[in-house]
Amino acid sequence: MKDIDKYEKGKHLDPLREYYHDMVADSKERKQNLIGKNVALLVIDMQYLDAAKGYGVFKDITSSGIPWEQQEYYFNTLNDYVIPNIQKLQKLFRDNECEVIHTRIQSLTKDGRDRSNGHKRLGLLAAPGSKEAEFLPEIAPIEDEIVINKTASGVFSSTNLHYVLTNMGITELVVCGVYTNECVETTVRDACDLGYLVSLVDDACTTVTPELHNASLTTLRNRYAEITSTEETIKRFNIVNILTSNT
């Protein structure tokens, strides 16, 4: 046995999970947020650039750098349950008169010279008016819903989203979209640091492998966010609606 093994053996994956749990999963504050409509749904990067075959990152499926098996996993999860669950969440929030906010990758300029250096290095460009900048039609914004354009992984570091949420009295976010281990995880961490209560909907986000998806959930769970499901989110709204209708 190597010296390091005796320290790793039997060690809990996250020994501070229970310590943080009550701070992240404050049911009383979350209940008040629902009653006061201080909760918003944040849908991340559900656009042609990174969520549609034949466009953007997946324009040339043979040279995208993502192996075929991982691309198949990604699009299967998107079509089988992520997009249908985002549709359910959007309907839930709209029916309950809570904000649905959409973020996407889109530069200010056609040639993308305003993008973050990170996106320049990665070659990520969704110019205004391009197909890559368009939202997937089945979960696109409707009516007067807010759209936040960004050119970095985290939406808070590259936009005025925090200012907008503060103006509207939003103190809690329910987050979904792609990729779990990139833009979604960065946004959850930043939102937590800024003081928002955050829920990440496990079955309404995905990435290119289950290992990367689950690694993000393990890190974020009960520390930066409550990890929940679409059905659990719907139940949470229903319970609060029943309680408030009886008062």
C-alpha atoms as a PDB file:
ATOM      1  CA  MET A   1       0.000   0.000   0.000  1.00  0.00           C
ATOM      2  CA  LYS A   2       1.309   3.425  -0.949  1.00  0.00           C
ATOM      3  CA  ASP A   3       1.571   5.994   1.843  1.00  0.00           C
ATOM      4  CA  ILE A   4      -1.179   8.114   0.291  1.00  0.00           C
ATOM      5  CA  ASP A   5      -3.601   5.143   0.187  1.00  0.00           C
ATOM      6  CA  LYS A   6      -3.947   4.924   3.967  1.00  0.00           C
ATOM      7  CA  TYR A   7      -5.152   8.521   3.991  1.00  0.00           C
ATOM      8  CA  GLU A   8      -7.600   8.083   1.099  1.00  0.00           C
ATOM      9  CA  LYS A   9      -9.079   4.769   2.251  1.00  0.00           C
ATOM     10  CA  GLY A  10     -12.436   5.184   3.901  1.00  0.00           C
ATOM     11  CA  LYS A  11     -12.439   8.915   3.418  1.00  0.00           C
ATOM     12  CA  HIS A  12     -15.854  10.482   2.762  1.00  0.00           C
ATOM     13  CA  LEU A  13     -16.134  12.054  -0.688  1.00  0.00           C
ATOM     14  CA  ASP A  14     -17.214  15.346   0.883  1.00  0.00           C
ATOM     15  CA  PRO A  15     -16.811  15.355   4.687  1.00  0.00           C
ATOM     16  CA  LEU A  16     -18.319  18.862   4.966  1.00  0.00           C
ATOM     17  CA  ARG A  17     -21.490  18.005   3.038  1.00  0.00           C
ATOM     18  CA  GLU A  18     -23.738  17.834   6.081  1.00  0.00           C
ATOM     19  CA  TYR A  19     -22.231  21.031   7.515  1.00  0.00           C
ATOM     20  CA  TYR A  20     -23.115  22.982   4.395  1.00  0.00           C
ATOM     21  CA  HIS A  21     -26.460  21.280   3.715  1.00  0.00           C
ATOM     22  CA  ASP A  22     -28.634  23.441   5.959  1.00  0.00           C
ATOM     23  CA  MET A  23     -27.166  26.659   4.560  1.00  0.00           C
ATOM     24  CA  VAL A  24     -27.814  25.618   0.961  1.00  0.00           C
ATOM     25  CA  ALA A  25     -31.164  23.914   1.474  1.00  0.00           C
ATOM     26  CA  ASP A  26     -32.882  26.525   3.621  1.00  0.00           C
ATOM     27  CA  SER A  27     -36.465  25.412   3.022  1.00  0.00           C
ATOM     28  CA  LYS A  28     -37.986  28.350   4.928  1.00  0.00           C
ATOM     29  CA  GLU A  29     -36.143  30.943   2.815  1.00  0.00           C
ATOM     30  CA  ARG A  30     -36.877  28.982  -0.346  1.00  0.00           C
ATOM     31  CA  LYS A  31     -40.579  28.830   0.526  1.00  0.00           C
ATOM     32  CA  GLN A  32     -40.669  32.593   1.046  1.00  0.00           C
ATOM     33  CA  ASN A  33     -38.872  33.104  -2.263  1.00  0.00           C
ATOM     34  CA  LEU A  34     -41.582  31.154  -4.062  1.00  0.00           C
ATOM     35  CA  ILE A  35     -44.403  33.012  -2.338  1.00  0.00           C
ATOM     36  CA  GLY A  36     -42.775  36.353  -3.143  1.00  0.00           C
ATOM     37  CA  LYS A  37     -41.934  35.288  -6.718  1.00  0.00           C
ATOM     38  CA  ASN A  38     -38.278  36.009  -6.003  1.00  0.00           C
ATOM     39  CA  VAL A  39     -37.205  32.882  -7.893  1.00  0.00           C
ATOM     40  CA  ALA A  40     -36.098  32.863 -11.533  1.00  0.00           C
ATOM     41  CA  LEU A  41     -35.401  30.043 -13.974  1.00  0.00           C
ATOM     42  CA  LEU A  42     -32.001  30.529 -15.631  1.00  0.00           C
ATOM     43  CA  VAL A  43     -31.629  28.604 -18.914  1.00  0.00           C
ATOM     44  CA  ILE A  44     -28.005  28.464 -20.070  1.00  0.00           C
ATOM     45  CA  ASP A  45     -26.729  28.302 -23.670  1.00  0.00           C
ATOM     46  CA  MET A  46     -29.521  26.273 -25.279  1.00  0.00           C
ATOM     47  CA  GLN A  47     -28.573  27.522 -28.739  1.00  0.00           C
ATOM     48  CA  TYR A  48     -27.356  26.263 -32.108  1.00  0.00           C
ATOM     49  CA  LEU A  49     -23.694  26.996 -31.256  1.00  0.00           C
ATOM     50  CA  ASP A  50     -23.392  24.151 -28.757  1.00  0.00           C
ATOM     51  CA  ALA A  51     -26.674  22.224 -28.715  1.00  0.00           C
ATOM     52  CA  ALA A  52     -27.466  21.435 -32.355  1.00  0.00           C
ATOM     53  CA  LYS A  53     -25.947  18.981 -34.823  1.00  0.00           C
ATOM     54  CA  GLY A  54     -24.451  20.604 -37.903  1.00  0.00           C
ATOM     55  CA  TYR A  55     -23.796  23.979 -36.305  1.00  0.00           C
ATOM     56  CA  GLY A  56     -21.070  25.691 -34.290  1.00  0.00           C
ATOM     57  CA  VAL A  57     -19.120  23.262 -32.144  1.00  0.00           C
ATOM     58  CA  PHE A  58     -20.717  20.335 -33.994  1.00  0.00           C
ATOM     59  CA  LYS A  59     -20.618  21.793 -37.526  1.00  0.00           C
ATOM     60  CA  ASP A  60     -18.076  19.225 -38.691  1.00  0.00           C
ATOM     61  CA  ILE A  61     -18.782  16.170 -36.615  1.00  0.00           C
ATOM     62  CA  THR A  62     -15.520  14.518 -37.684  1.00  0.00           C
ATOM     63  CA  SER A  63     -13.228  17.380 -36.662  1.00  0.00           C
ATOM     64  CA  SER A  64     -14.998  18.779 -33.589  1.00  0.00           C
ATOM     65  CA  GLY A  65     -12.493  17.123 -31.260  1.00  0.00           C
ATOM     66  CA  ILE A  66     -15.291  15.310 -29.410  1.00  0.00           C
ATOM     67  CA  PRO A  67     -15.357  11.554 -30.082  1.00  0.00           C
ATOM     68  CA  TRP A  68     -18.425  10.187 -31.827  1.00  0.00           C
ATOM     69  CA  GLU A  69     -19.568   8.187 -28.782  1.00  0.00           C
ATOM     70  CA  GLN A  70     -19.535  11.289 -26.594  1.00  0.00           C
ATOM     71  CA  GLN A  71     -21.399  13.322 -29.179  1.00  0.00           C
ATOM     72  CA  GLU A  72     -24.014  10.558 -29.351  1.00  0.00           C
ATOM     73  CA  TYR A  73     -24.354  10.559 -25.551  1.00  0.00           C
ATOM     74  CA  TYR A  74     -24.677  14.346 -25.505  1.00  0.00           C
ATOM     75  CA  PHE A  75     -27.385  14.592 -28.151  1.00  0.00           C
ATOM     76  CA  ASN A  76     -29.258  11.559 -26.814  1.00  0.00           C
ATOM     77  CA  THR A  77     -29.494  13.136 -23.363  1.00  0.00           C
ATOM     78  CA  LEU A  78     -30.505  16.474 -24.862  1.00  0.00           C
ATOM     79  CA  ASN A  79     -33.313  14.981 -26.923  1.00  0.00           C
ATOM     80  CA  ASP A  80     -34.465  12.236 -24.545  1.00  0.00           C
ATOM     81  CA  TYR A  81     -34.943  14.303 -21.386  1.00  0.00           C
ATOM     82  CA  VAL A  82     -33.036  17.597 -21.095  1.00  0.00           C
ATOM     83  CA  ILE A  83     -35.030  19.595 -23.666  1.00  0.00           C
ATOM     84  CA  PRO A  84     -38.394  18.078 -22.612  1.00  0.00           C
ATOM     85  CA  ASN A  85     -37.603  18.868 -18.959  1.00  0.00           C
ATOM     86  CA  ILE A  86     -36.577  22.447 -19.750  1.00  0.00           C
ATOM     87  CA  GLN A  87     -39.928  22.815 -21.517  1.00  0.00           C
ATOM     88  CA  LYS A  88     -41.678  21.596 -18.338  1.00  0.00           C
ATOM     89  CA  LEU A  89     -39.683  24.030 -16.182  1.00  0.00           C
ATOM     90  CA  GLN A  90     -40.394  26.943 -18.513  1.00  0.00           C
ATOM     91  CA  LYS A  91     -44.135  26.191 -18.402  1.00  0.00           C
ATOM     92  CA  LEU A  92     -43.989  25.870 -14.600  1.00  0.00           C
ATOM     93  CA  PHE A  93     -42.316  29.242 -14.135  1.00  0.00           C
ATOM     94  CA  ARG A  94     -44.506  30.992 -16.699  1.00  0.00           C
ATOM     95  CA  ASP A  95     -47.698  29.552 -15.194  1.00  0.00           C
ATOM     96  CA  ASN A  96     -46.591  30.775 -11.757  1.00  0.00           C
ATOM     97  CA  GLU A  97     -45.637  34.232 -13.079  1.00  0.00           C
ATOM     98  CA  CYS A  98     -41.951  33.774 -12.224  1.00  0.00           C
ATOM     99  CA  GLU A  99     -39.164  35.024 -14.469  1.00  0.00           C
ATOM    100  CA  VAL A 100     -37.664  32.808 -17.178  1.00  0.00           C
ATOM    101  CA  ILE A 101     -34.242  34.210 -18.125  1.00  0.00           C
ATOM    102  CA  HIS A 102     -32.198  32.958 -21.076  1.00  0.00           C
ATOM    103  CA  THR A 103     -28.428  33.256 -21.466  1.00  0.00           C
ATOM    104  CA  ARG A 104     -26.528  32.567 -24.640  1.00  0.00           C
ATOM    105  CA  ILE A 105     -23.070  32.967 -26.105  1.00  0.00           C
ATOM    106  CA  GLN A 106     -23.153  35.930 -28.492  1.00  0.00           C
ATOM    107  CA  SER A 107     -20.532  38.551 -29.257  1.00  0.00           C
ATOM    108  CA  LEU A 108     -21.199  42.240 -29.731  1.00  0.00           C
ATOM    109  CA  THR A 109     -19.389  42.290 -33.062  1.00  0.00           C
ATOM    110  CA  LYS A 110     -19.581  40.244 -36.258  1.00  0.00           C
ATOM    111  CA  ASP A 111     -15.907  39.272 -36.073  1.00  0.00           C
ATOM    112  CA  GLY A 112     -16.026  38.590 -32.331  1.00  0.00           C
ATOM    113  CA  ARG A 113     -13.168  40.910 -31.411  1.00  0.00           C
ATOM    114  CA  ASP A 114     -14.979  41.761 -28.135  1.00  0.00           C
ATOM    115  CA  ARG A 115     -15.045  38.121 -26.952  1.00  0.00           C
ATOM    116  CA  SER A 116     -13.191  36.951 -23.869  1.00  0.00           C
ATOM    117  CA  ASN A 117      -9.682  35.703 -24.509  1.00  0.00           C
ATOM    118  CA  GLY A 118     -10.849  32.283 -23.376  1.00  0.00           C
ATOM    119  CA  HIS A 119     -13.474  32.080 -26.100  1.00  0.00           C
ATOM    120  CA  LYS A 120     -10.981  33.387 -28.664  1.00  0.00           C
ATOM    121  CA  ARG A 121      -8.551  30.611 -27.726  1.00  0.00           C
ATOM    122  CA  LEU A 122     -11.345  28.045 -28.004  1.00  0.00           C
ATOM    123  CA  GLY A 123     -12.548  29.479 -31.303  1.00  0.00           C
ATOM    124  CA  LEU A 124     -16.076  29.986 -29.940  1.00  0.00           C
ATOM    125  CA  LEU A 125     -17.984  32.589 -31.932  1.00  0.00           C
ATOM    126  CA  ALA A 126     -21.705  33.239 -32.210  1.00  0.00           C
ATOM    127  CA  ALA A 127     -22.030  36.533 -34.060  1.00  0.00           C
ATOM    128  CA  PRO A 128     -25.206  38.628 -33.830  1.00  0.00           C
ATOM    129  CA  GLY A 129     -27.705  37.400 -36.405  1.00  0.00           C
ATOM    130  CA  SER A 130     -25.912  34.091 -36.973  1.00  0.00           C
ATOM    131  CA  LYS A 131     -27.589  30.696 -36.761  1.00  0.00           C
ATOM    132  CA  GLU A 132     -25.166  29.776 -33.952  1.00  0.00           C
ATOM    133  CA  ALA A 133     -26.580  32.593 -31.817  1.00  0.00           C
ATOM    134  CA  GLU A 134     -30.191  31.441 -32.239  1.00  0.00           C
ATOM    135  CA  PHE A 135     -31.937  29.580 -29.434  1.00  0.00           C
ATOM    136  CA  LEU A 136     -33.327  26.107 -30.071  1.00  0.00           C
ATOM    137  CA  PRO A 137     -36.866  26.910 -31.223  1.00  0.00           C
ATOM    138  CA  GLU A 138     -38.660  24.521 -28.843  1.00  0.00           C
ATOM    139  CA  ILE A 139     -37.235  26.312 -25.771  1.00  0.00           C
ATOM    140  CA  ALA A 140     -36.672  29.810 -27.160  1.00  0.00           C
ATOM    141  CA  PRO A 141     -37.685  32.976 -25.270  1.00  0.00           C
ATOM    142  CA  ILE A 142     -41.265  34.114 -25.644  1.00  0.00           C
ATOM    143  CA  GLU A 143     -42.886  37.516 -25.346  1.00  0.00           C
ATOM    144  CA  ASP A 144     -40.955  39.822 -22.982  1.00  0.00           C
ATOM    145  CA  GLU A 145     -38.574  37.288 -21.429  1.00  0.00           C
ATOM    146  CA  ILE A 146     -35.056  38.518 -20.675  1.00  0.00           C
ATOM    147  CA  VAL A 147     -32.089  37.443 -22.818  1.00  0.00           C
ATOM    148  CA  ILE A 148     -28.548  37.922 -21.512  1.00  0.00           C
ATOM    149  CA  ASN A 149     -25.710  37.655 -24.054  1.00  0.00           C
ATOM    150  CA  LYS A 150     -22.265  36.605 -22.852  1.00  0.00           C
ATOM    151  CA  THR A 151     -18.834  35.836 -24.272  1.00  0.00           C
ATOM    152  CA  ALA A 152     -17.341  33.892 -21.380  1.00  0.00           C
ATOM    153  CA  SER A 153     -18.141  30.713 -19.488  1.00  0.00           C
ATOM    154  CA  GLY A 154     -19.753  32.414 -16.491  1.00  0.00           C
ATOM    155  CA  VAL A 155     -22.679  34.724 -17.110  1.00  0.00           C
ATOM    156  CA  PHE A 156     -22.061  36.827 -13.994  1.00  0.00           C
ATOM    157  CA  SER A 157     -18.447  37.725 -14.820  1.00  0.00           C
ATOM    158  CA  SER A 158     -19.206  38.983 -18.331  1.00  0.00           C
ATOM    159  CA  THR A 159     -22.668  40.586 -18.125  1.00  0.00           C
ATOM    160  CA  ASN A 160     -24.914  42.790 -15.960  1.00  0.00           C
ATOM    161  CA  LEU A 161     -27.090  39.824 -14.871  1.00  0.00           C
ATOM    162  CA  HIS A 162     -26.489  40.451 -11.144  1.00  0.00           C
ATOM    163  CA  TYR A 163     -27.605  44.075 -11.563  1.00  0.00           C
ATOM    164  CA  VAL A 164     -30.732  42.964 -13.444  1.00  0.00           C
ATOM    165  CA  LEU A 165     -31.650  40.306 -10.867  1.00  0.00           C
ATOM    166  CA  THR A 166     -31.118  42.769  -8.018  1.00  0.00           C
ATOM    167  CA  ASN A 167     -33.407  45.307  -9.688  1.00  0.00           C
ATOM    168  CA  MET A 168     -36.154  42.657  -9.904  1.00  0.00           C
ATOM    169  CA  GLY A 169     -35.718  41.385  -6.353  1.00  0.00           C
ATOM    170  CA  ILE A 170     -34.611  37.918  -7.476  1.00  0.00           C
ATOM    171  CA  THR A 171     -32.754  36.120  -4.678  1.00  0.00           C
ATOM    172  CA  GLU A 172     -32.921  32.511  -5.854  1.00  0.00           C
ATOM    173  CA  LEU A 173     -32.071  30.804  -9.141  1.00  0.00           C
ATOM    174  CA  VAL A 174     -33.115  27.475 -10.600  1.00  0.00           C
ATOM    175  CA  VAL A 175     -30.453  26.616 -13.173  1.00  0.00           C
ATOM    176  CA  CYS A 176     -30.526  24.321 -16.228  1.00  0.00           C
ATOM    177  CA  GLY A 177     -28.815  24.061 -19.628  1.00  0.00           C
ATOM    178  CA  VAL A 178     -25.392  23.109 -21.022  1.00  0.00           C
ATOM    179  CA  TYR A 179     -22.610  22.132 -20.393  1.00  0.00           C
ATOM    180  CA  THR A 180     -22.957  20.962 -16.803  1.00  0.00           C
ATOM    181  CA  ASN A 181     -19.202  21.056 -16.147  1.00  0.00           C
ATOM    182  CA  GLU A 182     -18.522  24.352 -17.905  1.00  0.00           C
ATOM    183  CA  CYS A 183     -20.928  27.305 -18.201  1.00  0.00           C
ATOM    184  CA  VAL A 184     -23.507  25.779 -15.852  1.00  0.00           C
ATOM    185  CA  GLU A 185     -21.062  24.975 -13.054  1.00  0.00           C
ATOM    186  CA  THR A 186     -19.277  28.341 -13.350  1.00  0.00           C
ATOM    187  CA  THR A 187     -22.609  30.168 -13.163  1.00  0.00           C
ATOM    188  CA  VAL A 188     -23.756  28.177 -10.120  1.00  0.00           C
ATOM    189  CA  ARG A 189     -20.523  28.899  -8.240  1.00  0.00           C
ATOM    190  CA  ASP A 190     -20.625  32.621  -9.064  1.00  0.00           C
ATOM    191  CA  ALA A 191     -24.323  32.887  -8.119  1.00  0.00           C
ATOM    192  CA  CYS A 192     -23.631  31.249  -4.766  1.00  0.00           C
ATOM    193  CA  ASP A 193     -20.727  33.614  -4.091  1.00  0.00           C
ATOM    194  CA  LEU A 194     -23.011  36.569  -4.849  1.00  0.00           C
ATOM    195  CA  GLY A 195     -25.495  35.365  -2.228  1.00  0.00           C
ATOM    196  CA  TYR A 196     -28.180  33.663  -4.297  1.00  0.00           C
ATOM    197  CA  LEU A 197     -29.803  30.452  -3.209  1.00  0.00           C
ATOM    198  CA  VAL A 198     -29.282  28.095  -6.149  1.00  0.00           C
ATOM    199  CA  SER A 199     -30.923  24.891  -7.324  1.00  0.00           C
ATOM    200  CA  LEU A 200     -29.383  22.887 -10.161  1.00  0.00           C
ATOM    201  CA  VAL A 201     -31.835  20.626 -11.978  1.00  0.00           C
ATOM    202  CA  ASP A 202     -29.964  17.366 -12.586  1.00  0.00           C
ATOM    203  CA  ASP A 203     -32.189  16.078 -15.412  1.00  0.00           C
ATOM    204  CA  ALA A 204     -32.407  19.431 -17.207  1.00  0.00           C
ATOM    205  CA  CYS A 205     -28.698  19.842 -17.879  1.00  0.00           C
ATOM    206  CA  THR A 206     -26.038  17.725 -19.545  1.00  0.00           C
ATOM    207  CA  THR A 207     -22.544  17.563 -20.996  1.00  0.00           C
ATOM    208  CA  VAL A 208     -20.531  15.247 -23.225  1.00  0.00           C
ATOM    209  CA  THR A 209     -19.957  12.427 -20.738  1.00  0.00           C
ATOM    210  CA  PRO A 210     -21.830  11.159 -17.676  1.00  0.00           C
ATOM    211  CA  GLU A 211     -18.570  11.250 -15.718  1.00  0.00           C
ATOM    212  CA  LEU A 212     -18.117  14.999 -16.232  1.00  0.00           C
ATOM    213  CA  HIS A 213     -21.799  15.637 -15.456  1.00  0.00           C
ATOM    214  CA  ASN A 214     -21.731  13.629 -12.245  1.00  0.00           C
ATOM    215  CA  ALA A 215     -18.391  15.089 -11.128  1.00  0.00           C
ATOM    216  CA  SER A 216     -19.904  18.590 -11.273  1.00  0.00           C
ATOM    217  CA  LEU A 217     -22.978  17.491  -9.336  1.00  0.00           C
ATOM    218  CA  THR A 218     -20.816  15.872  -6.682  1.00  0.00           C
ATOM    219  CA  THR A 219     -18.778  19.044  -6.210  1.00  0.00           C
ATOM    220  CA  LEU A 220     -21.736  21.444  -6.225  1.00  0.00           C
ATOM    221  CA  ARG A 221     -24.175  19.358  -4.171  1.00  0.00           C
ATOM    222  CA  ASN A 222     -25.116  20.881  -0.809  1.00  0.00           C
ATOM    223  CA  ARG A 223     -22.249  23.341  -1.025  1.00  0.00           C
ATOM    224  CA  TYR A 224     -22.952  25.658  -3.929  1.00  0.00           C
ATOM    225  CA  ALA A 225     -26.411  24.386  -4.880  1.00  0.00           C
ATOM    226  CA  GLU A 226     -29.226  22.075  -4.024  1.00  0.00           C
ATOM    227  CA  ILE A 227     -29.255  19.329  -6.646  1.00  0.00           C
ATOM    228  CA  THR A 228     -32.824  18.593  -7.603  1.00  0.00           C
ATOM    229  CA  SER A 229     -34.936  17.135 -10.423  1.00  0.00           C
ATOM    230  CA  THR A 230     -37.637  18.515 -12.673  1.00  0.00           C
ATOM    231  CA  GLU A 231     -40.361  16.594 -10.851  1.00  0.00           C
ATOM    232  CA  GLU A 232     -39.086  17.734  -7.451  1.00  0.00           C
ATOM    233  CA  THR A 233     -39.125  21.341  -8.658  1.00  0.00           C
ATOM    234  CA  ILE A 234     -42.723  20.967  -9.865  1.00  0.00           C
ATOM    235  CA  LYS A 235     -43.731  19.414  -6.519  1.00  0.00           C
ATOM    236  CA  ARG A 236     -42.099  22.289  -4.654  1.00  0.00           C
ATOM    237  CA  PHE A 237     -44.234  24.811  -6.530  1.00  0.00           C
ATOM    238  CA  ASN A 238     -47.368  22.702  -6.037  1.00  0.00           C
ATOM    239  CA  ILE A 239     -46.840  22.374  -2.263  1.00  0.00           C
ATOM    240  CA  VAL A 240     -46.369  26.115  -1.832  1.00  0.00           C
ATOM    241  CA  ASN A 241     -49.417  26.827  -4.004  1.00  0.00           C
ATOM    242  CA  ILE A 242     -51.558  24.481  -1.878  1.00  0.00           C
ATOM    243  CA  LEU A 243     -50.287  26.028   1.373  1.00  0.00           C
ATOM    244  CA  THR A 244     -50.887  29.596   0.211  1.00  0.00           C
ATOM    245  CA  SER A 245     -54.344  28.776  -1.181  1.00  0.00           C
ATOM    246  CA  ASN A 246     -55.389  27.485   2.274  1.00  0.00           C
ATOM    247  CA  THR A 247     -54.342  30.643   4.121  1.00  0.00           C
END
